[in-house]
Amino acid sequence: MHPRLKGALTLILPHPIPEIAPEHLYLYLDALSRTRELAGAVVEVGCFQCGTSAWAVRMLRALGVSREYVCVDTFGGFVRSQFAHDVERGTTSSLEHGFTFNSPRLVKRFLARWGVPEIKLLEADVVALAPDALPKSVAVALIDVDLEEPTYAALEKIYPRVVAGGAIVVDDCSIDPTNPYRGARVGFQRFVQAHQLPERYVFGMGVIDKARAT
């Protein structure tokens, strides 16, 4: 990316802009609040330019909570084969290149400007990512990768690491016809059915609350 374009983007984004709908942001921040007494990291899979991540870290600070916050993303858009798989199932094909204008270097500049440089960036396709690259224990996870295969893979790799009482929320699971992505809900359904977990949706997000030990 040309340096002038990067500079222009920094000027355009002097403050973080959440990259999920308001009601979804509320649900995610509420999960952070509800789990504030638990041990474990926060993991966000599919962060784009970390606007949502920055607000989440601000929320944790307001709660007086210090956690490792890890963002996993390709930082280059969708994996072509994964996107093509979902197009066959109804995902809007024109969205293929919507997240390609990005890079870890650019996001780090945003994070520094927004005062949240502690957010850790992990550049990877979650489908190919080794599970051990993730934190050993997770209190909350936000999965926002839009597609079936990475949604399912993220759940398979993160759920075993979620502590008792922890939570996972999955974006883009709405059945609303205006939702341009079709794979996230399918990936979520596959996972909960395979693990015999409740299939629960709130505001069009898939929600998994890991039971506390009795």
C-alpha atoms as a PDB file:
ATOM      1  CA  MET A   1       0.000   0.000   0.000  1.00  0.00           C
ATOM      2  CA  HIS A   2       1.294   3.469  -0.875  1.00  0.00           C
ATOM      3  CA  PRO A   3       2.451   5.443   2.229  1.00  0.00           C
ATOM      4  CA  ARG A   4       0.229   8.385   1.298  1.00  0.00           C
ATOM      5  CA  LEU A   5      -2.817   6.130   1.300  1.00  0.00           C
ATOM      6  CA  LYS A   6      -1.914   4.862   4.749  1.00  0.00           C
ATOM      7  CA  GLY A   7      -1.531   8.402   6.005  1.00  0.00           C
ATOM      8  CA  ALA A   8      -4.881   9.357   4.524  1.00  0.00           C
ATOM      9  CA  LEU A   9      -6.584   6.447   6.259  1.00  0.00           C
ATOM     10  CA  THR A  10      -5.059   7.470   9.587  1.00  0.00           C
ATOM     11  CA  LEU A  11      -6.539  10.938   9.132  1.00  0.00           C
ATOM     12  CA  ILE A  12      -9.908   9.472   8.178  1.00  0.00           C
ATOM     13  CA  LEU A  13      -9.981   7.260  11.283  1.00  0.00           C
ATOM     14  CA  PRO A  14      -8.866   9.438  14.202  1.00  0.00           C
ATOM     15  CA  HIS A  15     -11.178   7.407  16.449  1.00  0.00           C
ATOM     16  CA  PRO A  16     -12.094   3.700  16.347  1.00  0.00           C
ATOM     17  CA  ILE A  17     -15.348   2.808  14.610  1.00  0.00           C
ATOM     18  CA  PRO A  18     -16.961  -0.480  15.714  1.00  0.00           C
ATOM     19  CA  GLU A  19     -17.219  -2.889  12.805  1.00  0.00           C
ATOM     20  CA  ILE A  20     -20.320  -4.699  14.041  1.00  0.00           C
ATOM     21  CA  ALA A  21     -23.920  -3.535  14.467  1.00  0.00           C
ATOM     22  CA  PRO A  22     -24.785  -1.562  17.640  1.00  0.00           C
ATOM     23  CA  GLU A  23     -26.828  -4.370  19.160  1.00  0.00           C
ATOM     24  CA  HIS A  24     -24.028  -6.833  18.432  1.00  0.00           C
ATOM     25  CA  LEU A  25     -21.491  -4.530  20.060  1.00  0.00           C
ATOM     26  CA  TYR A  26     -23.769  -4.322  23.106  1.00  0.00           C
ATOM     27  CA  LEU A  27     -23.953  -8.117  23.325  1.00  0.00           C
ATOM     28  CA  TYR A  28     -20.174  -8.429  23.060  1.00  0.00           C
ATOM     29  CA  LEU A  29     -19.449  -5.741  25.653  1.00  0.00           C
ATOM     30  CA  ASP A  30     -22.026  -7.328  27.957  1.00  0.00           C
ATOM     31  CA  ALA A  31     -20.165 -10.650  27.660  1.00  0.00           C
ATOM     32  CA  LEU A  32     -16.952  -8.870  28.663  1.00  0.00           C
ATOM     33  CA  SER A  33     -18.725  -7.392  31.671  1.00  0.00           C
ATOM     34  CA  ARG A  34     -20.373 -10.656  32.754  1.00  0.00           C
ATOM     35  CA  THR A  35     -17.061 -12.521  32.671  1.00  0.00           C
ATOM     36  CA  ARG A  36     -14.915  -9.828  34.296  1.00  0.00           C
ATOM     37  CA  GLU A  37     -14.121 -11.991  37.327  1.00  0.00           C
ATOM     38  CA  LEU A  38     -12.894 -14.933  35.232  1.00  0.00           C
ATOM     39  CA  ALA A  39      -9.353 -15.757  34.226  1.00  0.00           C
ATOM     40  CA  GLY A  40      -8.428 -15.980  30.563  1.00  0.00           C
ATOM     41  CA  ALA A  41      -7.772 -13.917  27.471  1.00  0.00           C
ATOM     42  CA  VAL A  42     -10.110 -12.276  24.990  1.00  0.00           C
ATOM     43  CA  VAL A  43      -9.803 -13.596  21.439  1.00  0.00           C
ATOM     44  CA  GLU A  44     -11.303 -11.911  18.407  1.00  0.00           C
ATOM     45  CA  VAL A  45     -11.220 -13.819  15.113  1.00  0.00           C
ATOM     46  CA  GLY A  46     -11.887 -11.566  12.142  1.00  0.00           C
ATOM     47  CA  CYS A  47     -11.043  -8.062  13.314  1.00  0.00           C
ATOM     48  CA  PHE A  48     -10.400  -6.146  10.047  1.00  0.00           C
ATOM     49  CA  GLN A  49      -8.947  -2.835  11.324  1.00  0.00           C
ATOM     50  CA  CYS A  50      -9.720  -3.424  15.030  1.00  0.00           C
ATOM     51  CA  GLY A  51     -12.368  -0.747  15.534  1.00  0.00           C
ATOM     52  CA  THR A  52     -14.453  -3.167  17.610  1.00  0.00           C
ATOM     53  CA  SER A  53     -11.344  -4.398  19.424  1.00  0.00           C
ATOM     54  CA  ALA A  54     -10.413  -0.880  20.507  1.00  0.00           C
ATOM     55  CA  TRP A  55     -13.865  -0.309  22.027  1.00  0.00           C
ATOM     56  CA  ALA A  56     -13.684  -3.675  23.787  1.00  0.00           C
ATOM     57  CA  VAL A  57     -10.334  -2.819  25.377  1.00  0.00           C
ATOM     58  CA  ARG A  58     -11.751   0.519  26.501  1.00  0.00           C
ATOM     59  CA  MET A  59     -14.634  -1.384  28.083  1.00  0.00           C
ATOM     60  CA  LEU A  60     -12.233  -3.693  29.914  1.00  0.00           C
ATOM     61  CA  ARG A  61     -10.331  -0.692  31.227  1.00  0.00           C
ATOM     62  CA  ALA A  62     -13.561   0.885  32.456  1.00  0.00           C
ATOM     63  CA  LEU A  63     -14.276  -2.373  34.314  1.00  0.00           C
ATOM     64  CA  GLY A  64     -10.792  -2.373  35.828  1.00  0.00           C
ATOM     65  CA  VAL A  65      -9.946  -5.609  34.026  1.00  0.00           C
ATOM     66  CA  SER A  66      -6.546  -6.371  32.564  1.00  0.00           C
ATOM     67  CA  ARG A  67      -6.609  -9.172  29.997  1.00  0.00           C
ATOM     68  CA  GLU A  68      -4.546 -10.377  27.085  1.00  0.00           C
ATOM     69  CA  TYR A  69      -6.434  -9.355  23.938  1.00  0.00           C
ATOM     70  CA  VAL A  70      -5.562 -11.269  20.756  1.00  0.00           C
ATOM     71  CA  CYS A  71      -6.916 -10.522  17.275  1.00  0.00           C
ATOM     72  CA  VAL A  72      -6.629 -13.179  14.574  1.00  0.00           C
ATOM     73  CA  ASP A  73      -7.069 -12.115  10.961  1.00  0.00           C
ATOM     74  CA  THR A  74      -5.558 -12.648   7.530  1.00  0.00           C
ATOM     75  CA  PHE A  75      -5.303  -8.831   7.276  1.00  0.00           C
ATOM     76  CA  GLY A  76      -5.750  -9.358   3.571  1.00  0.00           C
ATOM     77  CA  GLY A  77      -9.381 -10.314   3.163  1.00  0.00           C
ATOM     78  CA  PHE A  78     -11.080 -13.630   2.558  1.00  0.00           C
ATOM     79  CA  VAL A  79      -9.305 -16.831   1.569  1.00  0.00           C
ATOM     80  CA  ARG A  80     -10.503 -17.316  -1.994  1.00  0.00           C
ATOM     81  CA  SER A  81     -11.472 -20.994  -1.733  1.00  0.00           C
ATOM     82  CA  GLN A  82     -13.420 -20.368   1.488  1.00  0.00           C
ATOM     83  CA  PHE A  83     -15.301 -17.469  -0.070  1.00  0.00           C
ATOM     84  CA  ALA A  84     -16.106 -19.453  -3.228  1.00  0.00           C
ATOM     85  CA  HIS A  85     -17.551 -22.226  -1.053  1.00  0.00           C
ATOM     86  CA  ASP A  86     -20.013 -19.756   0.496  1.00  0.00           C
ATOM     87  CA  VAL A  87     -20.944 -18.099  -2.787  1.00  0.00           C
ATOM     88  CA  GLU A  88     -22.316 -21.477  -3.848  1.00  0.00           C
ATOM     89  CA  ARG A  89     -24.576 -21.276  -0.792  1.00  0.00           C
ATOM     90  CA  GLY A  90     -25.867 -17.761  -1.391  1.00  0.00           C
ATOM     91  CA  THR A  91     -23.221 -15.337  -0.123  1.00  0.00           C
ATOM     92  CA  THR A  92     -23.085 -12.165  -2.210  1.00  0.00           C
ATOM     93  CA  SER A  93     -20.156 -12.586  -4.633  1.00  0.00           C
ATOM     94  CA  SER A  94     -19.462  -8.832  -4.877  1.00  0.00           C
ATOM     95  CA  LEU A  95     -18.180  -8.847  -1.275  1.00  0.00           C
ATOM     96  CA  GLU A  96     -15.106 -10.921  -2.040  1.00  0.00           C
ATOM     97  CA  HIS A  97     -12.644  -8.022  -1.933  1.00  0.00           C
ATOM     98  CA  GLY A  98     -14.310  -5.963   0.791  1.00  0.00           C
ATOM     99  CA  PHE A  99     -11.582  -6.461   3.430  1.00  0.00           C
ATOM    100  CA  THR A 100      -8.448  -6.580   1.276  1.00  0.00           C
ATOM    101  CA  PHE A 101      -7.435  -2.940   1.865  1.00  0.00           C
ATOM    102  CA  ASN A 102      -5.601  -3.747   5.075  1.00  0.00           C
ATOM    103  CA  SER A 103      -2.322  -4.870   6.663  1.00  0.00           C
ATOM    104  CA  PRO A 104      -0.937  -5.572  10.164  1.00  0.00           C
ATOM    105  CA  ARG A 105       1.302  -2.527   9.831  1.00  0.00           C
ATOM    106  CA  LEU A 106      -1.654  -0.263   9.100  1.00  0.00           C
ATOM    107  CA  VAL A 107      -3.701  -1.699  11.973  1.00  0.00           C
ATOM    108  CA  LYS A 108      -0.815  -1.228  14.410  1.00  0.00           C
ATOM    109  CA  ARG A 109      -0.732   2.436  13.416  1.00  0.00           C
ATOM    110  CA  PHE A 110      -4.435   2.715  14.163  1.00  0.00           C
ATOM    111  CA  LEU A 111      -4.036   0.998  17.527  1.00  0.00           C
ATOM    112  CA  ALA A 112      -1.220   3.323  18.547  1.00  0.00           C
ATOM    113  CA  ARG A 113      -3.261   6.358  17.494  1.00  0.00           C
ATOM    114  CA  TRP A 114      -6.284   5.102  19.428  1.00  0.00           C
ATOM    115  CA  GLY A 115      -4.272   4.448  22.587  1.00  0.00           C
ATOM    116  CA  VAL A 116      -4.676   0.657  22.628  1.00  0.00           C
ATOM    117  CA  PRO A 117      -1.278  -0.630  21.483  1.00  0.00           C
ATOM    118  CA  GLU A 118      -1.497  -3.636  23.814  1.00  0.00           C
ATOM    119  CA  ILE A 119      -3.829  -5.471  21.412  1.00  0.00           C
ATOM    120  CA  LYS A 120      -1.888  -8.381  19.914  1.00  0.00           C
ATOM    121  CA  LEU A 121      -2.248  -9.107  16.210  1.00  0.00           C
ATOM    122  CA  LEU A 122      -1.920 -12.660  14.896  1.00  0.00           C
ATOM    123  CA  GLU A 123      -1.788 -12.733  11.099  1.00  0.00           C
ATOM    124  CA  ALA A 124      -3.247 -16.094  10.078  1.00  0.00           C
ATOM    125  CA  ASP A 125      -6.057 -17.980   8.389  1.00  0.00           C
ATOM    126  CA  VAL A 126      -7.831 -19.536  11.358  1.00  0.00           C
ATOM    127  CA  VAL A 127      -8.557 -22.677   9.320  1.00  0.00           C
ATOM    128  CA  ALA A 128      -4.823 -23.361   8.993  1.00  0.00           C
ATOM    129  CA  LEU A 129      -3.840 -21.937  12.393  1.00  0.00           C
ATOM    130  CA  ALA A 130      -2.319 -24.336  14.921  1.00  0.00           C
ATOM    131  CA  PRO A 131      -4.543 -24.359  18.047  1.00  0.00           C
ATOM    132  CA  ASP A 132      -1.500 -23.876  20.276  1.00  0.00           C
ATOM    133  CA  ALA A 133      -0.985 -20.441  18.709  1.00  0.00           C
ATOM    134  CA  LEU A 134      -4.063 -19.301  20.670  1.00  0.00           C
ATOM    135  CA  PRO A 135      -4.075 -18.415  24.383  1.00  0.00           C
ATOM    136  CA  LYS A 136      -4.360 -21.455  26.650  1.00  0.00           C
ATOM    137  CA  SER A 137      -7.433 -20.088  28.413  1.00  0.00           C
ATOM    138  CA  VAL A 138     -10.104 -17.807  26.968  1.00  0.00           C
ATOM    139  CA  ALA A 139     -12.783 -15.885  28.851  1.00  0.00           C
ATOM    140  CA  VAL A 140     -14.570 -14.369  25.853  1.00  0.00           C
ATOM    141  CA  ALA A 141     -14.294 -14.807  22.100  1.00  0.00           C
ATOM    142  CA  LEU A 142     -15.836 -12.836  19.263  1.00  0.00           C
ATOM    143  CA  ILE A 143     -15.892 -14.682  15.936  1.00  0.00           C
ATOM    144  CA  ASP A 144     -16.616 -12.453  12.952  1.00  0.00           C
ATOM    145  CA  VAL A 145     -15.235 -14.177   9.878  1.00  0.00           C
ATOM    146  CA  ASP A 146     -18.489 -14.235   7.861  1.00  0.00           C
ATOM    147  CA  LEU A 147     -17.870 -17.605   6.206  1.00  0.00           C
ATOM    148  CA  GLU A 148     -18.714 -21.216   7.077  1.00  0.00           C
ATOM    149  CA  GLU A 149     -15.291 -22.876   7.118  1.00  0.00           C
ATOM    150  CA  PRO A 150     -13.400 -20.305   9.230  1.00  0.00           C
ATOM    151  CA  THR A 151     -16.375 -19.938  11.601  1.00  0.00           C
ATOM    152  CA  TYR A 152     -16.435 -23.674  12.230  1.00  0.00           C
ATOM    153  CA  ALA A 153     -12.639 -23.877  12.535  1.00  0.00           C
ATOM    154  CA  ALA A 154     -12.508 -20.972  14.984  1.00  0.00           C
ATOM    155  CA  LEU A 155     -15.147 -22.604  17.191  1.00  0.00           C
ATOM    156  CA  GLU A 156     -13.371 -25.968  17.116  1.00  0.00           C
ATOM    157  CA  LYS A 157     -10.072 -24.392  18.181  1.00  0.00           C
ATOM    158  CA  ILE A 158     -11.358 -21.858  20.702  1.00  0.00           C
ATOM    159  CA  TYR A 159     -14.191 -23.644  22.521  1.00  0.00           C
ATOM    160  CA  PRO A 160     -11.935 -26.194  24.304  1.00  0.00           C
ATOM    161  CA  ARG A 161      -9.934 -23.244  25.673  1.00  0.00           C
ATOM    162  CA  VAL A 162     -12.917 -21.305  26.988  1.00  0.00           C
ATOM    163  CA  VAL A 163     -13.012 -21.342  30.786  1.00  0.00           C
ATOM    164  CA  ALA A 164     -16.119 -22.391  32.723  1.00  0.00           C
ATOM    165  CA  GLY A 165     -18.495 -19.434  32.669  1.00  0.00           C
ATOM    166  CA  GLY A 166     -16.882 -17.983  29.554  1.00  0.00           C
ATOM    167  CA  ALA A 167     -18.681 -17.026  26.361  1.00  0.00           C
ATOM    168  CA  ILE A 168     -18.390 -17.049  22.579  1.00  0.00           C
ATOM    169  CA  VAL A 169     -20.415 -14.787  20.300  1.00  0.00           C
ATOM    170  CA  VAL A 170     -20.538 -15.317  16.531  1.00  0.00           C
ATOM    171  CA  ASP A 171     -21.495 -12.490  14.192  1.00  0.00           C
ATOM    172  CA  ASP A 172     -23.517 -12.718  10.950  1.00  0.00           C
ATOM    173  CA  CYS A 173     -25.784 -15.568  12.046  1.00  0.00           C
ATOM    174  CA  SER A 174     -29.005 -13.750  11.199  1.00  0.00           C
ATOM    175  CA  ILE A 175     -31.547 -15.374   8.889  1.00  0.00           C
ATOM    176  CA  ASP A 176     -32.661 -11.896   7.780  1.00  0.00           C
ATOM    177  CA  PRO A 177     -32.668 -11.836   3.947  1.00  0.00           C
ATOM    178  CA  THR A 178     -30.639  -8.606   4.041  1.00  0.00           C
ATOM    179  CA  ASN A 179     -27.706 -10.470   5.609  1.00  0.00           C
ATOM    180  CA  PRO A 180     -25.281 -10.828   2.667  1.00  0.00           C
ATOM    181  CA  TYR A 181     -23.340 -13.666   4.320  1.00  0.00           C
ATOM    182  CA  ARG A 182     -24.767 -17.163   4.583  1.00  0.00           C
ATOM    183  CA  GLY A 183     -21.893 -19.234   5.908  1.00  0.00           C
ATOM    184  CA  ALA A 184     -21.436 -18.007   9.482  1.00  0.00           C
ATOM    185  CA  ARG A 185     -24.765 -19.431  10.657  1.00  0.00           C
ATOM    186  CA  VAL A 186     -24.092 -22.723   8.878  1.00  0.00           C
ATOM    187  CA  GLY A 187     -20.677 -23.007  10.537  1.00  0.00           C
ATOM    188  CA  PHE A 188     -22.204 -22.180  13.926  1.00  0.00           C
ATOM    189  CA  GLN A 189     -24.991 -24.737  13.467  1.00  0.00           C
ATOM    190  CA  ARG A 190     -22.509 -27.432  12.433  1.00  0.00           C
ATOM    191  CA  PHE A 191     -20.448 -26.844  15.543  1.00  0.00           C
ATOM    192  CA  VAL A 192     -23.212 -26.768  18.152  1.00  0.00           C
ATOM    193  CA  GLN A 193     -24.897 -29.810  16.632  1.00  0.00           C
ATOM    194  CA  ALA A 194     -21.626 -31.760  16.542  1.00  0.00           C
ATOM    195  CA  HIS A 195     -20.968 -30.953  20.216  1.00  0.00           C
ATOM    196  CA  GLN A 196     -24.593 -31.239  21.353  1.00  0.00           C
ATOM    197  CA  LEU A 197     -24.748 -27.641  22.530  1.00  0.00           C
ATOM    198  CA  PRO A 198     -27.837 -25.399  22.549  1.00  0.00           C
ATOM    199  CA  GLU A 199     -28.386 -23.556  19.272  1.00  0.00           C
ATOM    200  CA  ARG A 200     -28.983 -20.076  20.651  1.00  0.00           C
ATOM    201  CA  TYR A 201     -29.231 -16.718  18.875  1.00  0.00           C
ATOM    202  CA  VAL A 202     -29.468 -13.208  20.291  1.00  0.00           C
ATOM    203  CA  PHE A 203     -29.828 -10.193  17.971  1.00  0.00           C
ATOM    204  CA  GLY A 204     -28.824 -12.453  15.083  1.00  0.00           C
ATOM    205  CA  MET A 205     -25.586 -13.545  16.765  1.00  0.00           C
ATOM    206  CA  GLY A 206     -24.810 -17.129  17.664  1.00  0.00           C
ATOM    207  CA  VAL A 207     -24.147 -17.384  21.408  1.00  0.00           C
ATOM    208  CA  ILE A 208     -22.387 -20.096  23.411  1.00  0.00           C
ATOM    209  CA  ASP A 209     -22.174 -19.767  27.189  1.00  0.00           C
ATOM    210  CA  LYS A 210     -19.880 -22.399  28.656  1.00  0.00           C
ATOM    211  CA  ALA A 211     -21.415 -23.829  31.788  1.00  0.00           C
ATOM    212  CA  ARG A 212     -19.806 -23.071  35.110  1.00  0.00           C
ATOM    213  CA  ALA A 213     -18.589 -26.006  37.163  1.00  0.00           C
ATOM    214  CA  THR A 214     -21.130 -27.151  39.749  1.00  0.00           C
END
